[in-house]
Protein backbone atom coordinates (compact mmCIF):
# COMPACT_ATOMS: atom_id res chain seq x y z
CA MET A 1 -17.67 -0.28 -19.21
CA LEU A 2 -14.30 0.51 -17.24
CA GLU A 3 -14.42 4.15 -15.73
CA ALA A 4 -11.85 4.36 -12.92
CA LEU A 5 -8.16 2.29 -11.45
CA ILE A 6 -8.09 2.38 -7.86
CA PHE A 7 -4.02 1.92 -6.80
CA ASP A 8 -2.86 0.60 -3.54
CA VAL A 9 0.21 2.31 -3.08
CA ASP A 10 3.02 0.34 -0.90
CA GLY A 11 4.60 -2.34 -2.95
CA THR A 12 1.79 -2.18 -5.72
CA LEU A 13 3.07 2.00 -7.28
CA ALA A 14 6.84 1.53 -6.01
CA ASP A 15 8.87 -1.15 -4.25
CA THR A 16 8.71 0.58 -1.16
CA GLU A 17 9.29 -2.20 1.56
CA MET A 18 12.67 -2.62 1.07
CA ALA A 19 13.27 1.08 2.53
CA HIS A 20 10.15 0.73 5.11
CA MET A 21 11.94 -2.20 6.53
CA ALA A 22 15.29 0.10 6.43
CA ALA A 23 13.60 2.76 8.30
CA PHE A 24 11.81 0.43 10.99
CA ASN A 25 15.27 -0.51 11.78
CA GLN A 26 16.79 3.18 12.15
CA ALA A 27 13.86 3.94 14.43
CA PHE A 28 14.24 1.20 16.39
CA ALA A 29 18.29 1.48 17.12
CA ALA A 30 17.38 5.53 17.55
CA GLU A 31 14.78 4.66 20.36
CA GLY A 32 17.73 2.01 22.00
CA LEU A 33 16.00 -1.18 21.09
CA ASP A 34 17.46 -4.49 20.25
CA TRP A 35 15.21 -5.00 17.55
CA HIS A 36 15.95 -5.54 14.21
CA TRP A 37 14.04 -6.81 10.94
CA ASP A 38 15.45 -8.99 8.71
CA LEU A 39 13.98 -9.90 5.45
CA ALA A 40 12.01 -13.12 6.65
CA THR A 41 10.98 -11.01 9.66
CA TYR A 42 9.17 -8.34 7.82
CA THR A 43 8.11 -10.88 4.92
CA ARG A 44 5.82 -12.40 8.10
CA LEU A 45 4.95 -9.19 9.84
CA LEU A 46 3.86 -7.93 6.64
CA HIS A 47 0.23 -10.11 7.29
CA VAL A 48 -0.35 -7.27 9.88
CA SER A 49 -1.31 -4.37 7.88
CA GLY A 50 -0.43 -0.75 9.02
CA GLY A 51 2.91 0.03 10.71
CA LYS A 52 1.72 0.76 14.19
CA GLU A 53 0.04 -2.23 14.05
CA ARG A 54 3.07 -4.00 12.59
CA ILE A 55 5.56 -2.68 15.71
CA LEU A 56 3.07 -3.72 18.36
CA HIS A 57 2.88 -6.99 17.01
CA HIS A 58 6.53 -7.52 17.15
CA TRP A 59 6.56 -6.09 20.51
CA ARG A 60 4.25 -8.26 21.87
CA GLN A 61 5.79 -11.58 20.16
CA VAL A 62 9.26 -10.66 21.98
CA GLN A 63 7.47 -9.08 25.30
CA PRO A 64 4.09 -11.52 25.65
CA ASP A 65 3.73 -9.70 29.35
CA LEU A 66 3.56 -6.34 27.67
CA ARG A 67 3.10 -3.56 29.80
CA GLU A 68 5.17 -0.46 29.89
CA LEU A 69 8.75 0.52 28.72
CA ASP A 70 10.78 2.61 30.64
CA GLY A 71 7.86 4.27 32.46
CA GLN A 72 6.18 5.38 29.06
CA GLY A 73 3.14 4.01 27.57
CA VAL A 74 2.96 1.61 25.42
CA ALA A 75 0.83 3.51 22.85
CA GLN A 76 3.09 6.83 23.19
CA THR A 77 5.78 4.63 22.57
CA VAL A 78 4.48 2.85 19.35
CA GLU A 79 3.78 6.32 18.30
CA ARG A 80 7.33 7.79 18.95
CA LEU A 81 9.03 4.89 16.91
CA HIS A 82 6.60 4.92 13.95
CA LEU A 83 7.11 9.00 13.78
CA ASN A 84 10.79 8.53 13.48
CA LYS A 85 10.24 5.65 11.16
CA THR A 86 8.09 8.09 8.56
CA ALA A 87 11.14 10.47 9.00
CA ALA A 88 13.49 8.05 8.11
CA TYR A 89 11.19 6.64 5.39
CA GLU A 90 10.87 10.11 3.57
CA GLN A 91 14.70 10.86 3.55
CA ALA A 92 14.84 7.26 1.73
CA VAL A 93 12.55 8.56 -0.68
CA ARG A 94 14.32 11.89 -1.37
CA ASP A 95 17.58 10.33 -1.70
CA GLY A 96 15.97 8.17 -4.43
CA GLN A 97 15.53 4.68 -2.85
CA VAL A 98 12.24 4.47 -4.02
CA HIS A 99 11.37 4.26 -7.70
CA LEU A 100 7.65 3.51 -9.64
CA ARG A 101 7.25 -0.06 -10.69
CA PRO A 102 7.64 -0.89 -14.31
CA GLY A 103 4.53 0.62 -16.01
CA VAL A 104 3.09 1.69 -13.48
CA LEU A 105 3.43 5.70 -14.89
CA ALA A 106 2.65 4.64 -18.62
CA LEU A 107 -0.92 3.04 -17.30
CA ILE A 108 -1.95 6.10 -15.37
CA GLU A 109 -1.22 8.58 -18.13
CA ALA A 110 -2.56 6.10 -20.99
CA ALA A 111 -5.91 6.23 -18.21
CA LEU A 112 -5.65 9.51 -18.10
CA ARG A 113 -5.42 10.56 -21.53
CA ALA A 114 -8.52 8.02 -22.29
CA GLY A 115 -10.93 9.96 -19.58
CA LEU A 116 -10.58 6.93 -17.07
CA ARG A 117 -10.92 8.65 -13.29
CA LEU A 118 -8.12 7.66 -10.83
CA ALA A 119 -7.79 7.08 -7.39
CA ILE A 120 -5.77 6.05 -4.54
CA ALA A 121 -6.78 3.16 -1.80
CA THR A 122 -4.37 2.65 0.57
CA THR A 123 -4.29 2.50 4.60
CA THR A 124 -0.57 3.69 4.83
CA SER A 125 -0.59 7.02 6.09
CA PRO A 126 -1.02 10.48 3.90
CA VAL A 127 2.22 11.43 4.80
CA ASN A 128 3.93 8.23 3.06
CA ILE A 129 1.93 8.88 0.35
CA ALA A 130 2.96 12.28 -0.25
CA ALA A 131 6.40 11.53 -0.05
CA LEU A 132 6.50 8.76 -2.62
CA LEU A 133 3.95 10.21 -5.36
CA ARG A 134 5.86 13.71 -4.75
CA GLN A 135 9.10 12.15 -5.85
CA ALA A 136 7.76 10.18 -8.53
CA LEU A 137 5.38 12.52 -10.07
CA GLY A 138 6.08 15.94 -9.37
CA ALA A 139 4.48 18.57 -7.21
CA SER A 140 1.35 18.84 -8.57
CA TRP A 141 0.84 14.59 -8.27
CA MET A 142 -2.20 14.72 -6.34
CA ASP A 143 -4.22 16.30 -9.88
CA ARG A 144 -3.94 13.04 -11.23
CA PHE A 145 -6.17 11.28 -8.97
CA GLU A 146 -9.69 12.30 -8.45
CA VAL A 147 -9.81 10.24 -4.66
CA ILE A 148 -7.06 9.55 -2.33
CA GLU A 149 -8.16 7.50 0.61
CA ASP A 150 -5.87 6.60 3.22
CA ALA A 151 -5.32 5.47 6.96
CA SER A 152 -6.72 9.51 8.05
CA THR A 153 -10.26 8.44 6.45
CA ALA A 154 -10.29 4.94 6.49
CA PRO A 155 -8.59 3.32 9.91
CA LEU A 156 -9.63 -0.15 9.64
CA LYS A 157 -6.81 -1.80 7.96
CA LYS A 158 -6.97 -4.11 5.06
CA PRO A 159 -8.24 -6.76 4.79
CA HIS A 160 -10.95 -4.83 5.79
CA PRO A 161 -13.27 -3.16 3.10
CA GLN A 162 -13.37 0.04 4.31
CA VAL A 163 -10.90 1.93 1.91
CA TYR A 164 -12.45 0.23 -1.02
CA LEU A 165 -15.45 1.33 0.35
CA ASN A 166 -15.50 4.48 0.81
CA THR A 167 -13.49 5.07 -2.78
CA LEU A 168 -16.44 3.59 -4.57
CA LYS A 169 -18.61 5.79 -2.57
CA ARG A 170 -16.93 9.21 -3.34
CA LEU A 171 -16.18 8.00 -6.85
CA GLY A 172 -19.96 7.61 -7.12
CA LEU A 173 -19.14 4.22 -9.20
CA SER A 174 -20.50 0.55 -8.71
CA ALA A 175 -17.15 -1.97 -8.48
CA ASP A 176 -17.77 -3.39 -11.64
CA ALA A 177 -17.24 -0.35 -13.32
CA CYS A 178 -13.82 -0.13 -11.45
CA LEU A 179 -10.63 -2.14 -11.45
CA ALA A 180 -8.16 -2.02 -8.33
CA PHE A 181 -4.44 -3.27 -8.22
CA GLU A 182 -2.61 -4.58 -5.42
CA ASP A 183 0.37 -6.58 -4.52
CA SER A 184 -1.01 -8.45 -1.34
CA ALA A 185 -3.04 -11.16 -0.06
CA ASN A 186 -4.99 -8.13 2.21
CA GLY A 187 -5.20 -5.73 -0.78
CA LEU A 188 -6.53 -8.58 -2.53
CA ARG A 189 -9.43 -9.85 0.24
CA ALA A 190 -10.34 -5.91 0.71
CA ALA A 191 -10.57 -5.12 -3.05
CA SER A 192 -12.76 -8.26 -3.49
CA ALA A 193 -14.98 -7.45 -0.16
CA ALA A 194 -16.18 -4.59 -1.99
CA GLY A 195 -16.57 -6.24 -5.21
CA LEU A 196 -13.76 -5.14 -7.19
CA PRO A 197 -12.03 -6.93 -9.67
CA THR A 198 -7.68 -7.12 -8.84
CA VAL A 199 -5.40 -7.13 -10.61
CA ILE A 200 -2.34 -8.56 -8.66
CA THR A 201 1.71 -7.52 -8.98
CA PRO A 202 3.12 -9.17 -6.37
CA ASN A 203 6.94 -8.25 -5.13
CA PRO A 204 9.27 -10.38 -3.80
CA PHE A 205 7.56 -9.55 0.02
CA THR A 206 4.25 -11.21 -1.55
CA ALA A 207 4.78 -13.64 -4.01
CA HIS A 208 4.14 -16.83 -1.77
CA HIS A 209 0.75 -15.22 -1.10
CA ASP A 210 -2.70 -16.77 -1.93
CA PHE A 211 -4.21 -14.53 -4.56
CA SER A 212 -7.11 -16.82 -5.71
CA GLY A 213 -9.88 -14.78 -6.97
CA ALA A 214 -8.16 -12.38 -8.40
CA LEU A 215 -8.20 -11.06 -12.12
CA ARG A 216 -5.39 -11.71 -13.30
CA VAL A 217 -1.72 -12.04 -11.23
CA LEU A 218 1.49 -10.12 -13.01
CA PRO A 219 4.89 -9.86 -12.49
CA ASP A 220 4.40 -6.13 -12.81
CA LEU A 221 2.13 -3.73 -15.41
CA ALA A 222 5.12 -3.04 -17.85
CA SER A 223 3.32 -4.66 -20.76
CA THR A 224 -0.24 -3.70 -19.47
CA SER A 225 -2.65 -1.68 -21.55
CA LEU A 226 -5.93 -0.04 -21.34
CA ASP A 227 -7.39 -2.45 -23.77
CA ASP A 228 -5.81 -5.85 -21.91
CA LEU A 229 -7.56 -4.29 -18.65
CA GLN A 230 -11.06 -4.24 -20.93
CA ARG A 231 -10.56 -7.37 -22.11
CA TRP A 232 -9.79 -9.34 -18.78
CA LEU A 233 -13.12 -7.33 -17.22
CA ARG A 234 -15.18 -9.10 -20.28
CA LEU A 235 -13.84 -12.12 -20.55
CA PRO A 236 -12.02 -12.69 -16.64
CA ALA A 237 -9.66 -15.97 -16.54
C-alpha cells in the first residue's frame, strides 16, 4: 500500500532550470568573468549535481591548472559566485518566472486528502526550496511536507542515495511503501539505489537521459491520479 510520495524539486516540482541558468550567468557577469553558459553547456553541466560543484567543474574545464583567482581562494570564489547566483534565482522566482509543472499541485492536494504523507528529497539548497515553494504554495508551504531533506542535511549529492535514505529513515517507512518523483538520470539512480520505485517526468534539459529502471516515464503529471500510482506499483511496466 502506498503511504508516501517523495518529490525532487528542481525540474520535477517546477520548471526551474532556465531560471537557474540565467542566474548563474548573472553571477558570472557580476564577478567580471567571461563565462556564459548557453543551453548546450548547461545541459551538459546538469550531469554534475549541485550548483557549487557545477561551477567548480566548469572552472576546471576552462582552467585545467586551476589555482587562484585574483589572489583569492578557489573555494571562497565559488562560494561567492553561488551566493550571488542564489540571490538572482530568488529574484526570478519572486518575479514570477518559475512555475509548478502541470499536475503537481493537483497530485499534492489529492495525496493530502487521501492521508498520504509527503516529503521532499533534493540536494538543492534550503533557500532555493523556500523561495520556490513559498511563491507557489504560499507561506504555509512547509505544512504540506512531513519531511524535507536538502543540501544542508544530505551533503552527498545525487546520484548518491543519501538524501533518499535520510528521507526514508525520518518517515519511518520502507522504500516499497513510497514513490519517488524525479526528472533526471542522477535522481533516478539515487532513488533506485535507496530501493524506491520512481516516476520520471523529464524536462527539456533531461529528456535525453537514460531512464532505464523507472516505474514510469511521463511528460508531466497532468493526467496522473493516485489510482494510477497505486496500479503502477501493483503492476509495474
